[in-house]
Amino acid sequence: MTIHGWMAVATLFIGPHALPCYGTDTDSTRVAPRWQQKEYRILPHSVCYNYRVGSIDYRRCRVLAKQQFKQRCRSYGDKVKNTQYPYNAAYQRKQQMYCTAARTFNPLNL
């Protein structure tokens, strides 16, 4: 089954907002943060689920995830400012999601 087929099946069973989200460009190509989100909320316990808890890569991943949350908060804030209402509603929801995660996520809480 291809990834697109898997995503379609997963969407049927768990809904589109509980699928894994993948971090993008990082300082290291080996450490790429992944997390899950549900209804525009990042699930803190799922951040860096792709690494073994307590490993060096897991710790690096969580620090990078915090940085990505901050960067995405700023990025979506810019999109909200540069897009007229009501077209910026999706950007506002994503901005709120990433800004909340940037504010509340603590990479040291393992």
PDB file of N, CA and C in Angstrom:
ATOM      1  N   MET A   1       0.851  -1.174   0.000  1.00  0.00           N
ATOM      2  CA  MET A   1       0.000   0.000   0.000  1.00  0.00           C
ATOM      3  C   MET A   1       0.896   1.237   0.000  1.00  0.00           C
ATOM      4  N   THR A   2       0.575   2.186  -0.820  1.00  0.00           N
ATOM      5  CA  THR A   2       1.356   3.419  -0.874  1.00  0.00           C
ATOM      6  C   THR A   2       1.024   4.298   0.324  1.00  0.00           C
ATOM      7  N   ILE A   3       1.853   5.309   0.521  1.00  0.00           N
ATOM      8  CA  ILE A   3       1.619   6.224   1.651  1.00  0.00           C
ATOM      9  C   ILE A   3       0.289   6.944   1.495  1.00  0.00           C
ATOM     10  N   HIS A   4      -0.069   7.274   0.253  1.00  0.00           N
ATOM     11  CA  HIS A   4      -1.344   7.957   0.032  1.00  0.00           C
ATOM     12  C   HIS A   4      -2.516   7.035   0.353  1.00  0.00           C
ATOM     13  N   GLY A   5      -2.377   5.760   0.027  1.00  0.00           N
ATOM     14  CA  GLY A   5      -3.418   4.792   0.360  1.00  0.00           C
ATOM     15  C   GLY A   5      -3.550   4.614   1.861  1.00  0.00           C
ATOM     16  N   TRP A   6      -2.414   4.571   2.552  1.00  0.00           N
ATOM     17  CA  TRP A   6      -2.422   4.447   3.996  1.00  0.00           C
ATOM     18  C   TRP A   6      -3.085   5.650   4.633  1.00  0.00           C
ATOM     19  N   MET A   7      -2.766   6.848   4.121  1.00  0.00           N
ATOM     20  CA  MET A   7      -3.344   8.072   4.685  1.00  0.00           C
ATOM     21  C   MET A   7      -4.861   8.078   4.506  1.00  0.00           C
ATOM     22  N   ALA A   8      -5.334   7.605   3.361  1.00  0.00           N
ATOM     23  CA  ALA A   8      -6.777   7.563   3.119  1.00  0.00           C
ATOM     24  C   ALA A   8      -7.452   6.618   4.101  1.00  0.00           C
ATOM     25  N   VAL A   9      -6.851   5.455   4.323  1.00  0.00           N
ATOM     26  CA  VAL A   9      -7.415   4.487   5.262  1.00  0.00           C
ATOM     27  C   VAL A   9      -7.373   5.051   6.683  1.00  0.00           C
ATOM     28  N   ALA A  10      -6.263   5.663   7.062  1.00  0.00           N
ATOM     29  CA  ALA A  10      -6.133   6.225   8.406  1.00  0.00           C
ATOM     30  C   ALA A  10      -7.146   7.334   8.639  1.00  0.00           C
ATOM     31  N   THR A  11      -7.393   8.140   7.615  1.00  0.00           N
ATOM     32  CA  THR A  11      -8.355   9.225   7.741  1.00  0.00           C
ATOM     33  C   THR A  11      -9.747   8.685   8.022  1.00  0.00           C
ATOM     34  N   LEU A  12     -10.092   7.557   7.411  1.00  0.00           N
ATOM     35  CA  LEU A  12     -11.407   6.961   7.642  1.00  0.00           C
ATOM     36  C   LEU A  12     -11.577   6.521   9.096  1.00  0.00           C
ATOM     37  N   PHE A  13     -10.512   5.977   9.688  1.00  0.00           N
ATOM     38  CA  PHE A  13     -10.626   5.413  11.022  1.00  0.00           C
ATOM     39  C   PHE A  13     -10.382   6.412  12.152  1.00  0.00           C
ATOM     40  N   ILE A  14      -9.437   7.317  11.985  1.00  0.00           N
ATOM     41  CA  ILE A  14      -9.091   8.200  13.100  1.00  0.00           C
ATOM     42  C   ILE A  14      -9.327   9.667  12.810  1.00  0.00           C
ATOM     43  N   GLY A  15      -9.730  10.013  11.626  1.00  0.00           N
ATOM     44  CA  GLY A  15     -10.007  11.400  11.286  1.00  0.00           C
ATOM     45  C   GLY A  15      -8.764  12.118  10.793  1.00  0.00           C
ATOM     46  N   PRO A  16      -8.947  13.184  10.038  1.00  0.00           N
ATOM     47  CA  PRO A  16      -7.822  13.867   9.410  1.00  0.00           C
ATOM     48  C   PRO A  16      -6.949  14.654  10.373  1.00  0.00           C
ATOM     49  N   HIS A  17      -7.434  14.985  11.577  1.00  0.00           N
ATOM     50  CA  HIS A  17      -6.654  15.834  12.477  1.00  0.00           C
ATOM     51  C   HIS A  17      -5.820  15.039  13.464  1.00  0.00           C
ATOM     52  N   ALA A  18      -5.806  13.713  13.363  1.00  0.00           N
ATOM     53  CA  ALA A  18      -5.004  12.914  14.281  1.00  0.00           C
ATOM     54  C   ALA A  18      -3.872  12.200  13.547  1.00  0.00           C
ATOM     55  N   LEU A  19      -3.595  12.612  12.318  1.00  0.00           N
ATOM     56  CA  LEU A  19      -2.524  12.000  11.557  1.00  0.00           C
ATOM     57  C   LEU A  19      -1.185  12.596  11.955  1.00  0.00           C
ATOM     58  N   PRO A  20      -0.097  11.841  11.754  1.00  0.00           N
ATOM     59  CA  PRO A  20       1.215  12.371  12.115  1.00  0.00           C
ATOM     60  C   PRO A  20       1.575  13.574  11.262  1.00  0.00           C
ATOM     61  N   CYS A  21       2.261  14.509  11.864  1.00  0.00           N
ATOM     62  CA  CYS A  21       2.780  15.670  11.158  1.00  0.00           C
ATOM     63  C   CYS A  21       4.282  15.607  11.239  1.00  0.00           C
ATOM     64  N   TYR A  22       4.909  16.030  10.210  1.00  0.00           N
ATOM     65  CA  TYR A  22       6.350  15.906  10.139  1.00  0.00           C
ATOM     66  C   TYR A  22       6.992  17.272  10.134  1.00  0.00           C
ATOM     67  N   GLY A  23       8.023  17.413  10.933  1.00  0.00           N
ATOM     68  CA  GLY A  23       8.811  18.631  10.924  1.00  0.00           C
ATOM     69  C   GLY A  23       9.551  18.734   9.603  1.00  0.00           C
ATOM     70  N   THR A  24       9.965  19.933   9.254  1.00  0.00           N
ATOM     71  CA  THR A  24      10.663  20.135   7.993  1.00  0.00           C
ATOM     72  C   THR A  24      12.144  20.343   8.245  1.00  0.00           C
ATOM     73  N   ASP A  25      12.751  21.232   7.507  1.00  0.00           N
ATOM     74  CA  ASP A  25      14.195  21.440   7.563  1.00  0.00           C
ATOM     75  C   ASP A  25      14.693  21.569   8.995  1.00  0.00           C
ATOM     76  N   THR A  26      15.737  20.830   9.293  1.00  0.00           N
ATOM     77  CA  THR A  26      16.329  20.872  10.619  1.00  0.00           C
ATOM     78  C   THR A  26      17.822  21.118  10.497  1.00  0.00           C
ATOM     79  N   ASP A  27      18.472  21.350  11.616  1.00  0.00           N
ATOM     80  CA  ASP A  27      19.921  21.526  11.618  1.00  0.00           C
ATOM     81  C   ASP A  27      20.627  20.228  11.250  1.00  0.00           C
ATOM     82  N   SER A  28      20.011  19.138  11.538  1.00  0.00           N
ATOM     83  CA  SER A  28      20.604  17.836  11.245  1.00  0.00           C
ATOM     84  C   SER A  28      19.616  17.023  10.426  1.00  0.00           C
ATOM     85  N   THR A  29      20.109  16.382   9.393  1.00  0.00           N
ATOM     86  CA  THR A  29      19.215  15.570   8.574  1.00  0.00           C
ATOM     87  C   THR A  29      18.826  14.289   9.298  1.00  0.00           C
ATOM     88  N   ARG A  30      19.597  13.903  10.322  1.00  0.00           N
ATOM     89  CA  ARG A  30      19.288  12.699  11.077  1.00  0.00           C
ATOM     90  C   ARG A  30      18.153  12.902  12.058  1.00  0.00           C
ATOM     91  N   VAL A  31      18.018  14.089  12.592  1.00  0.00           N
ATOM     92  CA  VAL A  31      17.016  14.353  13.620  1.00  0.00           C
ATOM     93  C   VAL A  31      15.905  15.202  13.012  1.00  0.00           C
ATOM     94  N   ALA A  32      14.765  14.577  12.786  1.00  0.00           N
ATOM     95  CA  ALA A  32      13.622  15.285  12.208  1.00  0.00           C
ATOM     96  C   ALA A  32      12.429  15.115  13.139  1.00  0.00           C
ATOM     97  N   PRO A  33      11.982  16.205  13.755  1.00  0.00           N
ATOM     98  CA  PRO A  33      10.846  16.095  14.682  1.00  0.00           C
ATOM     99  C   PRO A  33       9.556  15.673  13.982  1.00  0.00           C
ATOM    100  N   ARG A  34       8.847  14.798  14.621  1.00  0.00           N
ATOM    101  CA  ARG A  34       7.503  14.406  14.188  1.00  0.00           C
ATOM    102  C   ARG A  34       6.608  14.493  15.407  1.00  0.00           C
ATOM    103  N   TRP A  35       5.349  14.797  15.144  1.00  0.00           N
ATOM    104  CA  TRP A  35       4.386  14.870  16.237  1.00  0.00           C
ATOM    105  C   TRP A  35       3.010  14.584  15.680  1.00  0.00           C
ATOM    106  N   GLN A  36       2.077  14.407  16.575  1.00  0.00           N
ATOM    107  CA  GLN A  36       0.693  14.215  16.180  1.00  0.00           C
ATOM    108  C   GLN A  36      -0.102  15.408  16.667  1.00  0.00           C
ATOM    109  N   GLN A  37      -1.170  15.682  15.937  1.00  0.00           N
ATOM    110  CA  GLN A  37      -2.047  16.771  16.343  1.00  0.00           C
ATOM    111  C   GLN A  37      -3.485  16.296  16.213  1.00  0.00           C
ATOM    112  N   LYS A  38      -4.329  16.914  17.017  1.00  0.00           N
ATOM    113  CA  LYS A  38      -5.751  16.579  16.990  1.00  0.00           C
ATOM    114  C   LYS A  38      -6.525  17.862  17.192  1.00  0.00           C
ATOM    115  N   GLU A  39      -7.404  18.161  16.276  1.00  0.00           N
ATOM    116  CA  GLU A  39      -8.249  19.348  16.351  1.00  0.00           C
ATOM    117  C   GLU A  39      -7.427  20.604  16.633  1.00  0.00           C
ATOM    118  N   TYR A  40      -6.402  20.801  15.849  1.00  0.00           N
ATOM    119  CA  TYR A  40      -5.523  21.975  15.951  1.00  0.00           C
ATOM    120  C   TYR A  40      -4.848  22.099  17.312  1.00  0.00           C
ATOM    121  N   ARG A  41      -4.497  20.973  17.906  1.00  0.00           N
ATOM    122  CA  ARG A  41      -3.697  20.957  19.131  1.00  0.00           C
ATOM    123  C   ARG A  41      -2.598  19.930  18.943  1.00  0.00           C
ATOM    124  N   ILE A  42      -1.371  20.330  19.216  1.00  0.00           N
ATOM    125  CA  ILE A  42      -0.249  19.398  19.152  1.00  0.00           C
ATOM    126  C   ILE A  42      -0.262  18.582  20.433  1.00  0.00           C
ATOM    127  N   LEU A  43      -0.209  17.279  20.292  1.00  0.00           N
ATOM    128  CA  LEU A  43      -0.228  16.390  21.451  1.00  0.00           C
ATOM    129  C   LEU A  43       1.195  16.312  22.014  1.00  0.00           C
ATOM    130  N   PRO A  44       1.441  16.927  23.184  1.00  0.00           N
ATOM    131  CA  PRO A  44       2.814  17.039  23.702  1.00  0.00           C
ATOM    132  C   PRO A  44       3.513  15.699  23.892  1.00  0.00           C
ATOM    133  N   HIS A  45       2.781  14.682  24.315  1.00  0.00           N
ATOM    134  CA  HIS A  45       3.399  13.376  24.540  1.00  0.00           C
ATOM    135  C   HIS A  45       3.837  12.713  23.239  1.00  0.00           C
ATOM    136  N   SER A  46       3.335  13.203  22.091  1.00  0.00           N
ATOM    137  CA  SER A  46       3.668  12.580  20.817  1.00  0.00           C
ATOM    138  C   SER A  46       4.859  13.235  20.127  1.00  0.00           C
ATOM    139  N   VAL A  47       5.349  14.348  20.656  1.00  0.00           N
ATOM    140  CA  VAL A  47       6.455  15.048  20.007  1.00  0.00           C
ATOM    141  C   VAL A  47       7.690  14.144  20.021  1.00  0.00           C
ATOM    142  N   CYS A  48       8.228  13.907  18.851  1.00  0.00           N
ATOM    143  CA  CYS A  48       9.407  13.051  18.635  1.00  0.00           C
ATOM    144  C   CYS A  48       9.116  11.582  18.930  1.00  0.00           C
ATOM    145  N   TYR A  49       7.899  11.155  18.632  1.00  0.00           N
ATOM    146  CA  TYR A  49       7.535   9.759  18.844  1.00  0.00           C
ATOM    147  C   TYR A  49       8.371   8.818  17.993  1.00  0.00           C
ATOM    148  N   ASN A  50       9.057   9.350  16.989  1.00  0.00           N
ATOM    149  CA  ASN A  50       9.851   8.519  16.091  1.00  0.00           C
ATOM    150  C   ASN A  50      11.233   8.188  16.657  1.00  0.00           C
ATOM    151  N   TYR A  51      11.510   8.573  17.905  1.00  0.00           N
ATOM    152  CA  TYR A  51      12.783   8.263  18.562  1.00  0.00           C
ATOM    153  C   TYR A  51      12.526   7.579  19.894  1.00  0.00           C
ATOM    154  N   ARG A  52      13.506   6.810  20.334  1.00  0.00           N
ATOM    155  CA  ARG A  52      13.414   6.128  21.620  1.00  0.00           C
ATOM    156  C   ARG A  52      13.533   7.165  22.735  1.00  0.00           C
ATOM    157  N   VAL A  53      12.599   7.127  23.667  1.00  0.00           N
ATOM    158  CA  VAL A  53      12.579   8.085  24.775  1.00  0.00           C
ATOM    159  C   VAL A  53      13.889   7.997  25.550  1.00  0.00           C
ATOM    160  N   GLY A  54      14.490   9.167  25.799  1.00  0.00           N
ATOM    161  CA  GLY A  54      15.724   9.238  26.564  1.00  0.00           C
ATOM    162  C   GLY A  54      16.991   9.209  25.724  1.00  0.00           C
ATOM    163  N   SER A  55      16.888   8.846  24.453  1.00  0.00           N
ATOM    164  CA  SER A  55      18.086   8.794  23.608  1.00  0.00           C
ATOM    165  C   SER A  55      18.573  10.210  23.290  1.00  0.00           C
ATOM    166  N   ILE A  56      19.816  10.302  22.864  1.00  0.00           N
ATOM    167  CA  ILE A  56      20.390  11.601  22.487  1.00  0.00           C
ATOM    168  C   ILE A  56      19.587  12.208  21.339  1.00  0.00           C
ATOM    169  N   ASP A  57      19.250  11.391  20.338  1.00  0.00           N
ATOM    170  CA  ASP A  57      18.471  11.904  19.205  1.00  0.00           C
ATOM    171  C   ASP A  57      17.097  12.396  19.647  1.00  0.00           C
ATOM    172  N   TYR A  58      16.498  11.714  20.620  1.00  0.00           N
ATOM    173  CA  TYR A  58      15.199  12.130  21.153  1.00  0.00           C
ATOM    174  C   TYR A  58      15.313  13.512  21.794  1.00  0.00           C
ATOM    175  N   ARG A  59      16.349  13.728  22.570  1.00  0.00           N
ATOM    176  CA  ARG A  59      16.543  15.029  23.220  1.00  0.00           C
ATOM    177  C   ARG A  59      16.783  16.127  22.197  1.00  0.00           C
ATOM    178  N   ARG A  60      17.630  15.835  21.211  1.00  0.00           N
ATOM    179  CA  ARG A  60      17.877  16.824  20.147  1.00  0.00           C
ATOM    180  C   ARG A  60      16.590  17.129  19.387  1.00  0.00           C
ATOM    181  N   CYS A  61      15.852  16.084  19.114  1.00  0.00           N
ATOM    182  CA  CYS A  61      14.600  16.229  18.374  1.00  0.00           C
ATOM    183  C   CYS A  61      13.644  17.158  19.116  1.00  0.00           C
ATOM    184  N   ARG A  62      13.523  17.009  20.409  1.00  0.00           N
ATOM    185  CA  ARG A  62      12.596  17.832  21.175  1.00  0.00           C
ATOM    186  C   ARG A  62      13.019  19.293  21.209  1.00  0.00           C
ATOM    187  N   VAL A  63      14.318  19.544  21.254  1.00  0.00           N
ATOM    188  CA  VAL A  63      14.804  20.924  21.191  1.00  0.00           C
ATOM    189  C   VAL A  63      14.493  21.525  19.817  1.00  0.00           C
ATOM    190  N   LEU A  64      14.733  20.749  18.759  1.00  0.00           N
ATOM    191  CA  LEU A  64      14.427  21.222  17.409  1.00  0.00           C
ATOM    192  C   LEU A  64      12.925  21.431  17.222  1.00  0.00           C
ATOM    193  N   ALA A  65      12.109  20.575  17.823  1.00  0.00           N
ATOM    194  CA  ALA A  65      10.658  20.727  17.717  1.00  0.00           C
ATOM    195  C   ALA A  65      10.222  22.057  18.323  1.00  0.00           C
ATOM    196  N   LYS A  66      10.763  22.395  19.480  1.00  0.00           N
ATOM    197  CA  LYS A  66      10.437  23.680  20.129  1.00  0.00           C
ATOM    198  C   LYS A  66      10.810  24.839  19.204  1.00  0.00           C
ATOM    199  N   GLN A  67      11.970  24.764  18.564  1.00  0.00           N
ATOM    200  CA  GLN A  67      12.399  25.799  17.629  1.00  0.00           C
ATOM    201  C   GLN A  67      11.453  25.888  16.439  1.00  0.00           C
ATOM    202  N   GLN A  68      11.030  24.734  15.946  1.00  0.00           N
ATOM    203  CA  GLN A  68      10.102  24.725  14.813  1.00  0.00           C
ATOM    204  C   GLN A  68       8.747  25.299  15.197  1.00  0.00           C
ATOM    205  N   PHE A  69       8.287  25.021  16.388  1.00  0.00           N
ATOM    206  CA  PHE A  69       7.012  25.601  16.827  1.00  0.00           C
ATOM    207  C   PHE A  69       7.097  27.123  16.830  1.00  0.00           C
ATOM    208  N   LYS A  70       8.202  27.666  17.340  1.00  0.00           N
ATOM    209  CA  LYS A  70       8.382  29.122  17.354  1.00  0.00           C
ATOM    210  C   LYS A  70       8.432  29.688  15.938  1.00  0.00           C
ATOM    211  N   GLN A  71       9.180  29.027  15.072  1.00  0.00           N
ATOM    212  CA  GLN A  71       9.319  29.495  13.687  1.00  0.00           C
ATOM    213  C   GLN A  71       7.979  29.453  12.968  1.00  0.00           C
ATOM    214  N   ARG A  72       7.232  28.384  13.163  1.00  0.00           N
ATOM    215  CA  ARG A  72       5.932  28.269  12.491  1.00  0.00           C
ATOM    216  C   ARG A  72       4.919  29.249  13.069  1.00  0.00           C
ATOM    217  N   CYS A  73       5.025  29.549  14.338  1.00  0.00           N
ATOM    218  CA  CYS A  73       4.176  30.561  14.962  1.00  0.00           C
ATOM    219  C   CYS A  73       4.386  31.902  14.254  1.00  0.00           C
ATOM    220  N   ARG A  74       5.643  32.279  14.079  1.00  0.00           N
ATOM    221  CA  ARG A  74       5.954  33.538  13.377  1.00  0.00           C
ATOM    222  C   ARG A  74       5.496  33.497  11.927  1.00  0.00           C
ATOM    223  N   SER A  75       5.749  32.386  11.259  1.00  0.00           N
ATOM    224  CA  SER A  75       5.408  32.253   9.848  1.00  0.00           C
ATOM    225  C   SER A  75       3.903  32.368   9.619  1.00  0.00           C
ATOM    226  N   TYR A  76       3.129  31.664  10.425  1.00  0.00           N
ATOM    227  CA  TYR A  76       1.674  31.753  10.273  1.00  0.00           C
ATOM    228  C   TYR A  76       1.145  33.108  10.725  1.00  0.00           C
ATOM    229  N   GLY A  77       1.819  33.759  11.668  1.00  0.00           N
ATOM    230  CA  GLY A  77       1.444  35.114  12.052  1.00  0.00           C
ATOM    231  C   GLY A  77       1.587  36.068  10.873  1.00  0.00           C
ATOM    232  N   ASP A  78       2.666  35.918  10.117  1.00  0.00           N
ATOM    233  CA  ASP A  78       2.866  36.743   8.917  1.00  0.00           C
ATOM    234  C   ASP A  78       1.784  36.466   7.878  1.00  0.00           C
ATOM    235  N   LYS A  79       1.432  35.197   7.722  1.00  0.00           N
ATOM    236  CA  LYS A  79       0.388  34.836   6.746  1.00  0.00           C
ATOM    237  C   LYS A  79      -0.957  35.429   7.150  1.00  0.00           C
ATOM    238  N   VAL A  80      -1.246  35.428   8.444  1.00  0.00           N
ATOM    239  CA  VAL A  80      -2.504  36.009   8.926  1.00  0.00           C
ATOM    240  C   VAL A  80      -2.540  37.497   8.604  1.00  0.00           C
ATOM    241  N   LYS A  81      -1.430  38.190   8.855  1.00  0.00           N
ATOM    242  CA  LYS A  81      -1.372  39.628   8.597  1.00  0.00           C
ATOM    243  C   LYS A  81      -1.503  39.970   7.117  1.00  0.00           C
ATOM    244  N   ASN A  82      -0.975  39.108   6.264  1.00  0.00           N
ATOM    245  CA  ASN A  82      -0.933  39.391   4.828  1.00  0.00           C
ATOM    246  C   ASN A  82      -2.109  38.816   4.045  1.00  0.00           C
ATOM    247  N   THR A  83      -3.061  38.210   4.727  1.00  0.00           N
ATOM    248  CA  THR A  83      -4.228  37.623   4.065  1.00  0.00           C
ATOM    249  C   THR A  83      -5.481  38.223   4.672  1.00  0.00           C
ATOM    250  N   GLN A  84      -6.410  38.593   3.806  1.00  0.00           N
ATOM    251  CA  GLN A  84      -7.633  39.233   4.285  1.00  0.00           C
ATOM    252  C   GLN A  84      -8.600  38.212   4.883  1.00  0.00           C
ATOM    253  N   TYR A  85      -9.380  38.700   5.854  1.00  0.00           N
ATOM    254  CA  TYR A  85     -10.462  37.911   6.421  1.00  0.00           C
ATOM    255  C   TYR A  85     -11.518  37.712   5.340  1.00  0.00           C
ATOM    256  N   PRO A  86     -12.166  36.625   5.188  1.00  0.00           N
ATOM    257  CA  PRO A  86     -12.184  35.385   5.963  1.00  0.00           C
ATOM    258  C   PRO A  86     -11.188  34.350   5.464  1.00  0.00           C
ATOM    259  N   TYR A  87     -10.355  34.720   4.495  1.00  0.00           N
ATOM    260  CA  TYR A  87      -9.437  33.756   3.893  1.00  0.00           C
ATOM    261  C   TYR A  87      -8.292  33.372   4.813  1.00  0.00           C
ATOM    262  N   ASN A  88      -8.095  34.115   5.886  1.00  0.00           N
ATOM    263  CA  ASN A  88      -6.995  33.811   6.790  1.00  0.00           C
ATOM    264  C   ASN A  88      -7.419  32.949   7.987  1.00  0.00           C
ATOM    265  N   ALA A  89      -8.624  32.446   7.985  1.00  0.00           N
ATOM    266  CA  ALA A  89      -9.128  31.678   9.140  1.00  0.00           C
ATOM    267  C   ALA A  89      -8.288  30.426   9.399  1.00  0.00           C
ATOM    268  N   ALA A  90      -7.928  29.697   8.352  1.00  0.00           N
ATOM    269  CA  ALA A  90      -7.110  28.488   8.542  1.00  0.00           C
ATOM    270  C   ALA A  90      -5.728  28.858   9.066  1.00  0.00           C
ATOM    271  N   TYR A  91      -5.179  29.977   8.572  1.00  0.00           N
ATOM    272  CA  TYR A  91      -3.883  30.440   9.061  1.00  0.00           C
ATOM    273  C   TYR A  91      -3.962  30.815  10.541  1.00  0.00           C
ATOM    274  N   GLN A  92      -5.074  31.422  10.945  1.00  0.00           N
ATOM    275  CA  GLN A  92      -5.242  31.799  12.353  1.00  0.00           C
ATOM    276  C   GLN A  92      -5.255  30.567  13.250  1.00  0.00           C
ATOM    277  N   ARG A  93      -5.954  29.514  12.821  1.00  0.00           N
ATOM    278  CA  ARG A  93      -6.009  28.290  13.624  1.00  0.00           C
ATOM    279  C   ARG A  93      -4.621  27.660  13.750  1.00  0.00           C
ATOM    280  N   LYS A  94      -3.875  27.622  12.637  1.00  0.00           N
ATOM    281  CA  LYS A  94      -2.528  27.043  12.686  1.00  0.00           C
ATOM    282  C   LYS A  94      -1.590  27.915  13.505  1.00  0.00           C
ATOM    283  N   GLN A  95      -1.731  29.240  13.376  1.00  0.00           N
ATOM    284  CA  GLN A  95      -0.899  30.139  14.178  1.00  0.00           C
ATOM    285  C   GLN A  95      -1.157  29.885  15.660  1.00  0.00           C
ATOM    286  N   GLN A  96      -2.407  29.794  16.039  1.00  0.00           N
ATOM    287  CA  GLN A  96      -2.744  29.549  17.439  1.00  0.00           C
ATOM    288  C   GLN A  96      -2.170  28.212  17.906  1.00  0.00           C
ATOM    289  N   MET A  97      -2.258  27.184  17.072  1.00  0.00           N
ATOM    290  CA  MET A  97      -1.745  25.869  17.432  1.00  0.00           C
ATOM    291  C   MET A  97      -0.238  25.924  17.684  1.00  0.00           C
ATOM    292  N   TYR A  98       0.510  26.521  16.746  1.00  0.00           N
ATOM    293  CA  TYR A  98       1.964  26.549  16.888  1.00  0.00           C
ATOM    294  C   TYR A  98       2.421  27.512  17.974  1.00  0.00           C
ATOM    295  N   CYS A  99       1.732  28.635  18.134  1.00  0.00           N
ATOM    296  CA  CYS A  99       2.112  29.582  19.191  1.00  0.00           C
ATOM    297  C   CYS A  99       1.850  28.987  20.572  1.00  0.00           C
ATOM    298  N   THR A 100       0.752  28.266  20.720  1.00  0.00           N
ATOM    299  CA  THR A 100       0.470  27.600  21.987  1.00  0.00           C
ATOM    300  C   THR A 100       1.538  26.557  22.281  1.00  0.00           C
ATOM    301  N   ALA A 101       1.904  25.770  21.264  1.00  0.00           N
ATOM    302  CA  ALA A 101       2.943  24.763  21.448  1.00  0.00           C
ATOM    303  C   ALA A 101       4.285  25.431  21.774  1.00  0.00           C
ATOM    304  N   ALA A 102       4.596  26.523  21.109  1.00  0.00           N
ATOM    305  CA  ALA A 102       5.859  27.226  21.357  1.00  0.00           C
ATOM    306  C   ALA A 102       5.912  27.754  22.791  1.00  0.00           C
ATOM    307  N   ARG A 103       4.781  28.173  23.309  1.00  0.00           N
ATOM    308  CA  ARG A 103       4.697  28.737  24.657  1.00  0.00           C
ATOM    309  C   ARG A 103       4.725  27.639  25.729  1.00  0.00           C
ATOM    310  N   THR A 104       4.052  26.537  25.480  1.00  0.00           N
ATOM    311  CA  THR A 104       3.818  25.554  26.548  1.00  0.00           C
ATOM    312  C   THR A 104       4.692  24.308  26.473  1.00  0.00           C
ATOM    313  N   PHE A 105       5.215  23.992  25.298  1.00  0.00           N
ATOM    314  CA  PHE A 105       6.005  22.759  25.167  1.00  0.00           C
ATOM    315  C   PHE A 105       7.367  22.922  25.841  1.00  0.00           C
ATOM    316  N   ASN A 106       7.724  21.981  26.704  1.00  0.00           N
ATOM    317  CA  ASN A 106       9.005  22.003  27.376  1.00  0.00           C
ATOM    318  C   ASN A 106       9.810  20.782  26.919  1.00  0.00           C
ATOM    319  N   PRO A 107      10.894  21.007  26.168  1.00  0.00           N
ATOM    320  CA  PRO A 107      11.660  19.875  25.645  1.00  0.00           C
ATOM    321  C   PRO A 107      12.336  19.044  26.743  1.00  0.00           C
ATOM    322  N   LEU A 108      12.452  19.583  27.939  1.00  0.00           N
ATOM    323  CA  LEU A 108      13.114  18.845  29.015  1.00  0.00           C
ATOM    324  C   LEU A 108      12.179  17.890  29.740  1.00  0.00           C
ATOM    325  N   ASN A 109      10.870  18.036  29.537  1.00  0.00           N
ATOM    326  CA  ASN A 109       9.906  17.100  30.137  1.00  0.00           C
ATOM    327  C   ASN A 109       9.890  15.836  29.312  1.00  0.00           C
ATOM    328  N   LEU A 110      10.571  14.825  29.794  1.00  0.00           N
ATOM    329  CA  LEU A 110      10.618  13.563  29.074  1.00  0.00           C
ATOM    330  C   LEU A 110       9.519  12.714  29.591  1.00  0.00           C
TER     331      LEU A 110
END
